[in-house]
PDB file of N, CA and C in Angstrom:
ATOM      1  N   MET A   1       0.844  -1.179   0.000  1.00  0.00           N
ATOM      2  CA  MET A   1       0.000   0.000   0.000  1.00  0.00           C
ATOM      3  C   MET A   1       0.891   1.246   0.000  1.00  0.00           C
ATOM      4  N   ASN A   2       0.467   2.244  -0.687  1.00  0.00           N
ATOM      5  CA  ASN A   2       1.203   3.491  -0.797  1.00  0.00           C
ATOM      6  C   ASN A   2       1.019   4.302   0.490  1.00  0.00           C
ATOM      7  N   ASP A   3       2.113   4.702   1.119  1.00  0.00           N
ATOM      8  CA  ASP A   3       2.054   5.454   2.372  1.00  0.00           C
ATOM      9  C   ASP A   3       1.545   6.873   2.174  1.00  0.00           C
ATOM     10  N   HIS A   4       1.547   7.369   0.957  1.00  0.00           N
ATOM     11  CA  HIS A   4       1.132   8.743   0.703  1.00  0.00           C
ATOM     12  C   HIS A   4      -0.357   8.859   0.393  1.00  0.00           C
ATOM     13  N   GLN A   5      -1.036   7.738   0.276  1.00  0.00           N
ATOM     14  CA  GLN A   5      -2.458   7.752  -0.057  1.00  0.00           C
ATOM     15  C   GLN A   5      -3.287   7.822   1.234  1.00  0.00           C
ATOM     16  N   PRO A   6      -4.218   8.781   1.321  1.00  0.00           N
ATOM     17  CA  PRO A   6      -5.028   8.898   2.539  1.00  0.00           C
ATOM     18  C   PRO A   6      -5.981   7.710   2.683  1.00  0.00           C
ATOM     19  N   ASP A   7      -6.330   7.370   3.927  1.00  0.00           N
ATOM     20  CA  ASP A   7      -7.268   6.281   4.205  1.00  0.00           C
ATOM     21  C   ASP A   7      -8.674   6.873   4.350  1.00  0.00           C
ATOM     22  N   TYR A   8      -9.501   6.638   3.355  1.00  0.00           N
ATOM     23  CA  TYR A   8     -10.855   7.178   3.365  1.00  0.00           C
ATOM     24  C   TYR A   8     -11.849   6.215   4.013  1.00  0.00           C
ATOM     25  N   GLY A   9     -11.446   5.028   4.353  1.00  0.00           N
ATOM     26  CA  GLY A   9     -12.343   4.016   4.901  1.00  0.00           C
ATOM     27  C   GLY A   9     -13.088   4.459   6.142  1.00  0.00           C
ATOM     28  N   GLU A  10     -12.377   5.053   7.100  1.00  0.00           N
ATOM     29  CA  GLU A  10     -13.015   5.486   8.345  1.00  0.00           C
ATOM     30  C   GLU A  10     -14.024   6.595   8.101  1.00  0.00           C
ATOM     31  N   ASP A  11     -13.667   7.581   7.284  1.00  0.00           N
ATOM     32  CA  ASP A  11     -14.587   8.679   6.979  1.00  0.00           C
ATOM     33  C   ASP A  11     -15.842   8.157   6.287  1.00  0.00           C
ATOM     34  N   LEU A  12     -15.666   7.238   5.359  1.00  0.00           N
ATOM     35  CA  LEU A  12     -16.797   6.677   4.621  1.00  0.00           C
ATOM     36  C   LEU A  12     -17.709   5.897   5.560  1.00  0.00           C
ATOM     37  N   GLU A  13     -17.137   5.093   6.446  1.00  0.00           N
ATOM     38  CA  GLU A  13     -17.945   4.337   7.404  1.00  0.00           C
ATOM     39  C   GLU A  13     -18.765   5.266   8.282  1.00  0.00           C
ATOM     40  N   GLN A  14     -18.167   6.351   8.744  1.00  0.00           N
ATOM     41  CA  GLN A  14     -18.876   7.294   9.595  1.00  0.00           C
ATOM     42  C   GLN A  14     -20.026   7.956   8.834  1.00  0.00           C
ATOM     43  N   LYS A  15     -19.818   8.313   7.583  1.00  0.00           N
ATOM     44  CA  LYS A  15     -20.871   8.932   6.781  1.00  0.00           C
ATOM     45  C   LYS A  15     -22.012   7.954   6.519  1.00  0.00           C
ATOM     46  N   VAL A  16     -21.676   6.698   6.258  1.00  0.00           N
ATOM     47  CA  VAL A  16     -22.703   5.685   6.010  1.00  0.00           C
ATOM     48  C   VAL A  16     -23.529   5.479   7.266  1.00  0.00           C
ATOM     49  N   GLU A  17     -22.897   5.389   8.433  1.00  0.00           N
ATOM     50  CA  GLU A  17     -23.620   5.214   9.690  1.00  0.00           C
ATOM     51  C   GLU A  17     -24.547   6.389   9.961  1.00  0.00           C
ATOM     52  N   GLU A  18     -24.117   7.602   9.661  1.00  0.00           N
ATOM     53  CA  GLU A  18     -24.945   8.779   9.869  1.00  0.00           C
ATOM     54  C   GLU A  18     -26.181   8.738   8.976  1.00  0.00           C
ATOM     55  N   LYS A  19     -26.059   8.234   7.775  1.00  0.00           N
ATOM     56  CA  LYS A  19     -27.172   8.202   6.833  1.00  0.00           C
ATOM     57  C   LYS A  19     -28.147   7.065   7.114  1.00  0.00           C
ATOM     58  N   LEU A  20     -27.779   6.097   7.929  1.00  0.00           N
ATOM     59  CA  LEU A  20     -28.633   4.946   8.177  1.00  0.00           C
ATOM     60  C   LEU A  20     -29.544   5.112   9.387  1.00  0.00           C
ATOM     61  N   GLU A  21     -29.807   6.349   9.785  1.00  0.00           N
ATOM     62  CA  GLU A  21     -30.715   6.589  10.898  1.00  0.00           C
ATOM     63  C   GLU A  21     -32.115   6.108  10.525  1.00  0.00           C
ATOM     64  N   LEU A  22     -32.796   5.518  11.490  1.00  0.00           N
ATOM     65  CA  LEU A  22     -34.162   5.065  11.259  1.00  0.00           C
ATOM     66  C   LEU A  22     -35.096   6.264  11.163  1.00  0.00           C
ATOM     67  N   PRO A  23     -36.108   6.161  10.314  1.00  0.00           N
ATOM     68  CA  PRO A  23     -37.055   7.274  10.205  1.00  0.00           C
ATOM     69  C   PRO A  23     -37.877   7.376  11.488  1.00  0.00           C
ATOM     70  N   PRO A  24     -38.422   8.557  11.776  1.00  0.00           N
ATOM     71  CA  PRO A  24     -39.264   8.680  12.962  1.00  0.00           C
ATOM     72  C   PRO A  24     -40.514   7.820  12.808  1.00  0.00           C
ATOM     73  N   MET A  25     -40.967   7.293  13.912  1.00  0.00           N
ATOM     74  CA  MET A  25     -42.154   6.444  13.903  1.00  0.00           C
ATOM     75  C   MET A  25     -43.318   7.219  14.522  1.00  0.00           C
ATOM     76  N   PHE A  26     -44.538   6.846  14.120  1.00  0.00           N
ATOM     77  CA  PHE A  26     -45.734   7.552  14.561  1.00  0.00           C
ATOM     78  C   PHE A  26     -46.780   6.574  15.082  1.00  0.00           C
ATOM     79  N   LYS A  27     -47.391   6.945  16.223  1.00  0.00           N
ATOM     80  CA  LYS A  27     -48.495   6.171  16.779  1.00  0.00           C
ATOM     81  C   LYS A  27     -49.778   6.632  16.101  1.00  0.00           C
ATOM     82  N   VAL A  28     -50.620   5.677  15.732  1.00  0.00           N
ATOM     83  CA  VAL A  28     -51.943   5.995  15.211  1.00  0.00           C
ATOM     84  C   VAL A  28     -52.928   5.748  16.354  1.00  0.00           C
ATOM     85  N   LEU A  29     -53.740   6.775  16.640  1.00  0.00           N
ATOM     86  CA  LEU A  29     -54.653   6.736  17.782  1.00  0.00           C
ATOM     87  C   LEU A  29     -56.102   6.826  17.324  1.00  0.00           C
ATOM     88  N   LEU A  30     -56.966   6.089  18.001  1.00  0.00           N
ATOM     89  CA  LEU A  30     -58.404   6.261  17.857  1.00  0.00           C
ATOM     90  C   LEU A  30     -58.891   7.004  19.090  1.00  0.00           C
ATOM     91  N   HIS A  31     -59.905   7.869  18.897  1.00  0.00           N
ATOM     92  CA  HIS A  31     -60.446   8.673  19.991  1.00  0.00           C
ATOM     93  C   HIS A  31     -61.905   8.311  20.231  1.00  0.00           C
ATOM     94  N   ASN A  32     -62.275   8.249  21.490  1.00  0.00           N
ATOM     95  CA  ASN A  32     -63.641   7.905  21.867  1.00  0.00           C
ATOM     96  C   ASN A  32     -64.610   9.027  21.495  1.00  0.00           C
ATOM     97  N   ASP A  33     -65.819   8.647  21.144  1.00  0.00           N
ATOM     98  CA  ASP A  33     -66.911   9.603  20.959  1.00  0.00           C
ATOM     99  C   ASP A  33     -68.202   8.910  21.400  1.00  0.00           C
ATOM    100  N   ASP A  34     -69.280   9.653  21.442  1.00  0.00           N
ATOM    101  CA  ASP A  34     -70.547   9.100  21.940  1.00  0.00           C
ATOM    102  C   ASP A  34     -71.413   8.485  20.847  1.00  0.00           C
ATOM    103  N   TYR A  35     -70.924   8.433  19.608  1.00  0.00           N
ATOM    104  CA  TYR A  35     -71.779   7.999  18.503  1.00  0.00           C
ATOM    105  C   TYR A  35     -71.265   6.772  17.752  1.00  0.00           C
ATOM    106  N   THR A  36     -69.973   6.643  17.613  1.00  0.00           N
ATOM    107  CA  THR A  36     -69.413   5.513  16.872  1.00  0.00           C
ATOM    108  C   THR A  36     -69.626   4.239  17.671  1.00  0.00           C
ATOM    109  N   THR A  37     -70.158   3.220  17.015  1.00  0.00           N
ATOM    110  CA  THR A  37     -70.442   1.973  17.728  1.00  0.00           C
ATOM    111  C   THR A  37     -69.157   1.203  18.022  1.00  0.00           C
ATOM    112  N   MET A  38     -69.209   0.436  19.088  1.00  0.00           N
ATOM    113  CA  MET A  38     -68.073  -0.404  19.449  1.00  0.00           C
ATOM    114  C   MET A  38     -67.797  -1.417  18.351  1.00  0.00           C
ATOM    115  N   GLU A  39     -68.836  -1.919  17.729  1.00  0.00           N
ATOM    116  CA  GLU A  39     -68.688  -2.897  16.649  1.00  0.00           C
ATOM    117  C   GLU A  39     -67.925  -2.308  15.467  1.00  0.00           C
ATOM    118  N   PHE A  40     -68.229  -1.044  15.142  1.00  0.00           N
ATOM    119  CA  PHE A  40     -67.534  -0.390  14.037  1.00  0.00           C
ATOM    120  C   PHE A  40     -66.057  -0.207  14.359  1.00  0.00           C
ATOM    121  N   VAL A  41     -65.746   0.179  15.585  1.00  0.00           N
ATOM    122  CA  VAL A  41     -64.348   0.355  15.990  1.00  0.00           C
ATOM    123  C   VAL A  41     -63.598  -0.967  15.891  1.00  0.00           C
ATOM    124  N   VAL A  42     -64.207  -2.045  16.343  1.00  0.00           N
ATOM    125  CA  VAL A  42     -63.575  -3.369  16.246  1.00  0.00           C
ATOM    126  C   VAL A  42     -63.348  -3.726  14.776  1.00  0.00           C
ATOM    127  N   GLU A  43     -64.332  -3.451  13.944  1.00  0.00           N
ATOM    128  CA  GLU A  43     -64.217  -3.732  12.505  1.00  0.00           C
ATOM    129  C   GLU A  43     -63.043  -2.953  11.884  1.00  0.00           C
ATOM    130  N   ILE A  44     -62.923  -1.672  12.231  1.00  0.00           N
ATOM    131  CA  ILE A  44     -61.819  -0.841  11.734  1.00  0.00           C
ATOM    132  C   ILE A  44     -60.480  -1.427  12.175  1.00  0.00           C
ATOM    133  N   LEU A  45     -60.386  -1.791  13.442  1.00  0.00           N
ATOM    134  CA  LEU A  45     -59.134  -2.337  13.970  1.00  0.00           C
ATOM    135  C   LEU A  45     -58.752  -3.642  13.268  1.00  0.00           C
ATOM    136  N   GLN A  46     -59.736  -4.442  12.929  1.00  0.00           N
ATOM    137  CA  GLN A  46     -59.447  -5.702  12.237  1.00  0.00           C
ATOM    138  C   GLN A  46     -59.100  -5.467  10.768  1.00  0.00           C
ATOM    139  N   GLN A  47     -59.855  -4.620  10.097  1.00  0.00           N
ATOM    140  CA  GLN A  47     -59.652  -4.422   8.659  1.00  0.00           C
ATOM    141  C   GLN A  47     -58.435  -3.556   8.348  1.00  0.00           C
ATOM    142  N   VAL A  48     -58.319  -2.418   8.999  1.00  0.00           N
ATOM    143  CA  VAL A  48     -57.274  -1.451   8.660  1.00  0.00           C
ATOM    144  C   VAL A  48     -55.952  -1.784   9.344  1.00  0.00           C
ATOM    145  N   PHE A  49     -56.036  -2.256  10.598  1.00  0.00           N
ATOM    146  CA  PHE A  49     -54.823  -2.479  11.378  1.00  0.00           C
ATOM    147  C   PHE A  49     -54.481  -3.960  11.551  1.00  0.00           C
ATOM    148  N   ARG A  50     -55.276  -4.838  10.938  1.00  0.00           N
ATOM    149  CA  ARG A  50     -55.017  -6.283  10.931  1.00  0.00           C
ATOM    150  C   ARG A  50     -54.898  -6.886  12.334  1.00  0.00           C
ATOM    151  N   LYS A  51     -55.754  -6.418  13.240  1.00  0.00           N
ATOM    152  CA  LYS A  51     -55.777  -6.950  14.602  1.00  0.00           C
ATOM    153  C   LYS A  51     -56.693  -8.162  14.663  1.00  0.00           C
ATOM    154  N   SER A  52     -56.379  -9.089  15.548  1.00  0.00           N
ATOM    155  CA  SER A  52     -57.264 -10.226  15.787  1.00  0.00           C
ATOM    156  C   SER A  52     -58.523  -9.709  16.472  1.00  0.00           C
ATOM    157  N   ALA A  53     -59.556 -10.517  16.523  1.00  0.00           N
ATOM    158  CA  ALA A  53     -60.798 -10.107  17.181  1.00  0.00           C
ATOM    159  C   ALA A  53     -60.542  -9.768  18.645  1.00  0.00           C
ATOM    160  N   ALA A  54     -59.734 -10.566  19.322  1.00  0.00           N
ATOM    161  CA  ALA A  54     -59.444 -10.338  20.742  1.00  0.00           C
ATOM    162  C   ALA A  54     -58.659  -9.041  20.934  1.00  0.00           C
ATOM    163  N   GLU A  55     -57.636  -8.805  20.111  1.00  0.00           N
ATOM    164  CA  GLU A  55     -56.824  -7.592  20.224  1.00  0.00           C
ATOM    165  C   GLU A  55     -57.650  -6.361  19.861  1.00  0.00           C
ATOM    166  N   ALA A  56     -58.482  -6.461  18.837  1.00  0.00           N
ATOM    167  CA  ALA A  56     -59.338  -5.346  18.435  1.00  0.00           C
ATOM    168  C   ALA A  56     -60.317  -4.994  19.554  1.00  0.00           C
ATOM    169  N   THR A  57     -60.867  -5.992  20.199  1.00  0.00           N
ATOM    170  CA  THR A  57     -61.793  -5.755  21.308  1.00  0.00           C
ATOM    171  C   THR A  57     -61.074  -5.100  22.479  1.00  0.00           C
ATOM    172  N   ARG A  58     -59.852  -5.548  22.763  1.00  0.00           N
ATOM    173  CA  ARG A  58     -59.065  -4.972  23.855  1.00  0.00           C
ATOM    174  C   ARG A  58     -58.782  -3.487  23.596  1.00  0.00           C
ATOM    175  N   ILE A  59     -58.377  -3.159  22.379  1.00  0.00           N
ATOM    176  CA  ILE A  59     -58.074  -1.760  22.031  1.00  0.00           C
ATOM    177  C   ILE A  59     -59.358  -0.923  22.067  1.00  0.00           C
ATOM    178  N   MET A  60     -60.450  -1.473  21.542  1.00  0.00           N
ATOM    179  CA  MET A  60     -61.726  -0.752  21.539  1.00  0.00           C
ATOM    180  C   MET A  60     -62.153  -0.423  22.962  1.00  0.00           C
ATOM    181  N   LEU A  61     -62.010  -1.363  23.895  1.00  0.00           N
ATOM    182  CA  LEU A  61     -62.381  -1.113  25.289  1.00  0.00           C
ATOM    183  C   LEU A  61     -61.466  -0.057  25.920  1.00  0.00           C
ATOM    184  N   LEU A  62     -60.203  -0.071  25.542  1.00  0.00           N
ATOM    185  CA  LEU A  62     -59.268   0.944  26.027  1.00  0.00           C
ATOM    186  C   LEU A  62     -59.685   2.334  25.528  1.00  0.00           C
ATOM    187  N   VAL A  63     -60.051   2.422  24.258  1.00  0.00           N
ATOM    188  CA  VAL A  63     -60.528   3.687  23.692  1.00  0.00           C
ATOM    189  C   VAL A  63     -61.775   4.138  24.447  1.00  0.00           C
ATOM    190  N   HIS A  64     -62.682   3.214  24.694  1.00  0.00           N
ATOM    191  CA  HIS A  64     -63.952   3.520  25.365  1.00  0.00           C
ATOM    192  C   HIS A  64     -63.727   4.007  26.803  1.00  0.00           C
ATOM    193  N   LYS A  65     -62.814   3.354  27.518  1.00  0.00           N
ATOM    194  CA  LYS A  65     -62.589   3.673  28.932  1.00  0.00           C
ATOM    195  C   LYS A  65     -61.613   4.829  29.156  1.00  0.00           C
ATOM    196  N   LYS A  66     -60.556   4.904  28.342  1.00  0.00           N
ATOM    197  CA  LYS A  66     -59.498   5.897  28.560  1.00  0.00           C
ATOM    198  C   LYS A  66     -59.609   7.124  27.650  1.00  0.00           C
ATOM    199  N   GLY A  67     -60.409   7.023  26.595  1.00  0.00           N
ATOM    200  CA  GLY A  67     -60.565   8.146  25.676  1.00  0.00           C
ATOM    201  C   GLY A  67     -59.761   8.025  24.396  1.00  0.00           C
ATOM    202  N   THR A  68     -58.634   7.295  24.462  1.00  0.00           N
ATOM    203  CA  THR A  68     -57.833   7.045  23.259  1.00  0.00           C
ATOM    204  C   THR A  68     -57.202   5.668  23.364  1.00  0.00           C
ATOM    205  N   GLY A  69     -56.791   5.152  22.227  1.00  0.00           N
ATOM    206  CA  GLY A  69     -56.081   3.879  22.179  1.00  0.00           C
ATOM    207  C   GLY A  69     -55.162   3.840  20.982  1.00  0.00           C
ATOM    208  N   VAL A  70     -54.013   3.213  21.167  1.00  0.00           N
ATOM    209  CA  VAL A  70     -53.028   3.101  20.093  1.00  0.00           C
ATOM    210  C   VAL A  70     -53.367   1.893  19.223  1.00  0.00           C
ATOM    211  N   CYS A  71     -53.474   2.147  17.926  1.00  0.00           N
ATOM    212  CA  CYS A  71     -53.770   1.084  16.959  1.00  0.00           C
ATOM    213  C   CYS A  71     -52.504   0.425  16.440  1.00  0.00           C
ATOM    214  N   GLY A  72     -51.406   1.164  16.469  1.00  0.00           N
ATOM    215  CA  GLY A  72     -50.139   0.648  15.966  1.00  0.00           C
ATOM    216  C   GLY A  72     -49.138   1.781  15.832  1.00  0.00           C
ATOM    217  N   VAL A  73     -47.896   1.399  15.555  1.00  0.00           N
ATOM    218  CA  VAL A  73     -46.810   2.356  15.355  1.00  0.00           C
ATOM    219  C   VAL A  73     -46.221   2.095  13.976  1.00  0.00           C
ATOM    220  N   PHE A  74     -46.130   3.157  13.172  1.00  0.00           N
ATOM    221  CA  PHE A  74     -45.758   3.017  11.767  1.00  0.00           C
ATOM    222  C   PHE A  74     -44.837   4.156  11.335  1.00  0.00           C
ATOM    223  N   SER A  75     -44.242   3.989  10.158  1.00  0.00           N
ATOM    224  CA  SER A  75     -43.512   5.096   9.546  1.00  0.00           C
ATOM    225  C   SER A  75     -44.528   6.197   9.217  1.00  0.00           C
ATOM    226  N   GLU A  76     -44.045   7.395   8.970  1.00  0.00           N
ATOM    227  CA  GLU A  76     -44.944   8.532   8.765  1.00  0.00           C
ATOM    228  C   GLU A  76     -45.921   8.309   7.606  1.00  0.00           C
ATOM    229  N   ASP A  77     -45.430   7.836   6.479  1.00  0.00           N
ATOM    230  CA  ASP A  77     -46.298   7.631   5.316  1.00  0.00           C
ATOM    231  C   ASP A  77     -47.382   6.597   5.585  1.00  0.00           C
ATOM    232  N   VAL A  78     -47.002   5.503   6.224  1.00  0.00           N
ATOM    233  CA  VAL A  78     -47.977   4.442   6.525  1.00  0.00           C
ATOM    234  C   VAL A  78     -49.002   4.964   7.530  1.00  0.00           C
ATOM    235  N   ALA A  79     -48.546   5.675   8.562  1.00  0.00           N
ATOM    236  CA  ALA A  79     -49.463   6.223   9.566  1.00  0.00           C
ATOM    237  C   ALA A  79     -50.451   7.191   8.924  1.00  0.00           C
ATOM    238  N   GLU A  80     -49.965   8.082   8.069  1.00  0.00           N
ATOM    239  CA  GLU A  80     -50.845   9.037   7.387  1.00  0.00           C
ATOM    240  C   GLU A  80     -51.897   8.321   6.553  1.00  0.00           C
ATOM    241  N   THR A  81     -51.478   7.286   5.856  1.00  0.00           N
ATOM    242  CA  THR A  81     -52.404   6.527   5.014  1.00  0.00           C
ATOM    243  C   THR A  81     -53.476   5.854   5.856  1.00  0.00           C
ATOM    244  N   LYS A  82     -53.077   5.237   6.955  1.00  0.00           N
ATOM    245  CA  LYS A  82     -54.046   4.552   7.818  1.00  0.00           C
ATOM    246  C   LYS A  82     -55.035   5.545   8.436  1.00  0.00           C
ATOM    247  N   VAL A  83     -54.555   6.712   8.850  1.00  0.00           N
ATOM    248  CA  VAL A  83     -55.443   7.744   9.394  1.00  0.00           C
ATOM    249  C   VAL A  83     -56.472   8.142   8.341  1.00  0.00           C
ATOM    250  N   GLU A  84     -56.040   8.354   7.123  1.00  0.00           N
ATOM    251  CA  GLU A  84     -56.960   8.751   6.048  1.00  0.00           C
ATOM    252  C   GLU A  84     -57.969   7.649   5.723  1.00  0.00           C
ATOM    253  N   ILE A  85     -57.528   6.408   5.737  1.00  0.00           N
ATOM    254  CA  ILE A  85     -58.446   5.286   5.479  1.00  0.00           C
ATOM    255  C   ILE A  85     -59.522   5.228   6.558  1.00  0.00           C
ATOM    256  N   VAL A  86     -59.106   5.349   7.820  1.00  0.00           N
ATOM    257  CA  VAL A  86     -60.082   5.312   8.927  1.00  0.00           C
ATOM    258  C   VAL A  86     -61.065   6.470   8.791  1.00  0.00           C
ATOM    259  N   ARG A  87     -60.577   7.656   8.529  1.00  0.00           N
ATOM    260  CA  ARG A  87     -61.460   8.826   8.380  1.00  0.00           C
ATOM    261  C   ARG A  87     -62.453   8.613   7.242  1.00  0.00           C
ATOM    262  N   HIS A  88     -61.975   8.093   6.131  1.00  0.00           N
ATOM    263  CA  HIS A  88     -62.844   7.845   4.974  1.00  0.00           C
ATOM    264  C   HIS A  88     -63.929   6.810   5.315  1.00  0.00           C
ATOM    265  N   LEU A  89     -63.524   5.687   5.922  1.00  0.00           N
ATOM    266  CA  LEU A  89     -64.493   4.637   6.253  1.00  0.00           C
ATOM    267  C   LEU A  89     -65.508   5.116   7.288  1.00  0.00           C
ATOM    268  N   ALA A  90     -65.040   5.895   8.266  1.00  0.00           N
ATOM    269  CA  ALA A  90     -65.955   6.410   9.286  1.00  0.00           C
ATOM    270  C   ALA A  90     -66.974   7.362   8.658  1.00  0.00           C
ATOM    271  N   LYS A  91     -66.497   8.266   7.835  1.00  0.00           N
ATOM    272  CA  LYS A  91     -67.396   9.224   7.184  1.00  0.00           C
ATOM    273  C   LYS A  91     -68.400   8.498   6.294  1.00  0.00           C
ATOM    274  N   LYS A  92     -67.904   7.528   5.534  1.00  0.00           N
ATOM    275  CA  LYS A  92     -68.761   6.742   4.637  1.00  0.00           C
ATOM    276  C   LYS A  92     -69.853   6.012   5.410  1.00  0.00           C
ATOM    277  N   SER A  93     -69.527   5.601   6.639  1.00  0.00           N
ATOM    278  CA  SER A  93     -70.483   4.865   7.471  1.00  0.00           C
ATOM    279  C   SER A  93     -71.297   5.780   8.381  1.00  0.00           C
ATOM    280  N   GLY A  94     -71.050   7.076   8.315  1.00  0.00           N
ATOM    281  CA  GLY A  94     -71.828   8.032   9.088  1.00  0.00           C
ATOM    282  C   GLY A  94     -71.390   8.176  10.535  1.00  0.00           C
ATOM    283  N   PHE A  95     -70.141   7.841  10.832  1.00  0.00           N
ATOM    284  CA  PHE A  95     -69.628   7.953  12.195  1.00  0.00           C
ATOM    285  C   PHE A  95     -68.593   9.080  12.282  1.00  0.00           C
ATOM    286  N   PRO A  96     -68.545   9.762  13.443  1.00  0.00           N
ATOM    287  CA  PRO A  96     -67.567  10.832  13.628  1.00  0.00           C
ATOM    288  C   PRO A  96     -66.242  10.334  14.221  1.00  0.00           C
ATOM    289  N   LEU A  97     -65.932   9.070  14.055  1.00  0.00           N
ATOM    290  CA  LEU A  97     -64.737   8.483  14.652  1.00  0.00           C
ATOM    291  C   LEU A  97     -63.496   9.305  14.279  1.00  0.00           C
ATOM    292  N   MET A  98     -62.759   9.729  15.298  1.00  0.00           N
ATOM    293  CA  MET A  98     -61.572  10.526  15.069  1.00  0.00           C
ATOM    294  C   MET A  98     -60.332   9.629  15.181  1.00  0.00           C
ATOM    295  N   CYS A  99     -59.462   9.780  14.206  1.00  0.00           N
ATOM    296  CA  CYS A  99     -58.208   9.014  14.158  1.00  0.00           C
ATOM    297  C   CYS A  99     -57.092  10.026  13.908  1.00  0.00           C
ATOM    298  N   THR A 100     -56.059   9.976  14.747  1.00  0.00           N
ATOM    299  CA  THR A 100     -54.941  10.908  14.629  1.00  0.00           C
ATOM    300  C   THR A 100     -53.634  10.150  14.717  1.00  0.00           C
ATOM    301  N   MET A 101     -52.542  10.891  14.507  1.00  0.00           N
ATOM    302  CA  MET A 101     -51.219  10.304  14.661  1.00  0.00           C
ATOM    303  C   MET A 101     -50.332  11.277  15.412  1.00  0.00           C
ATOM    304  N   GLU A 102     -49.378  10.719  16.143  1.00  0.00           N
ATOM    305  CA  GLU A 102     -48.406  11.536  16.857  1.00  0.00           C
ATOM    306  C   GLU A 102     -47.079  10.797  16.869  1.00  0.00           C
ATOM    307  N   GLU A 103     -46.011  11.552  16.979  1.00  0.00           N
ATOM    308  CA  GLU A 103     -44.689  10.922  16.972  1.00  0.00           C
ATOM    309  C   GLU A 103     -44.547  10.003  18.178  1.00  0.00           C
ATOM    310  N   ALA A 104     -44.028   8.826  17.910  1.00  0.00           N
ATOM    311  CA  ALA A 104     -43.886   7.813  18.975  1.00  0.00           C
ATOM    312  C   ALA A 104     -42.687   8.100  19.854  1.00  0.00           C
TER     313      ALA A 104
END
């Protein structure tokens, strides 16, 4: 190896590590209201978030008792899409179900 040639390996490794940061993740939340049926919330959790019947029921009861419940944690694009799908399905079904996202 030539002694006059600089070693770029360390600098390159450091730059690659800096660029490999994970994207921020976002929690998707459902919010309780007095009009959306529990059955509809369970259906949303199963269809949109792929929860089992038992897990969907558990989250729905948490939303009902605590006011909000986490449906899942996703990358920003996926979270935004799921929020929009829930809003669309709720509106289509005549429910005011509120779905939001926040940084995890």
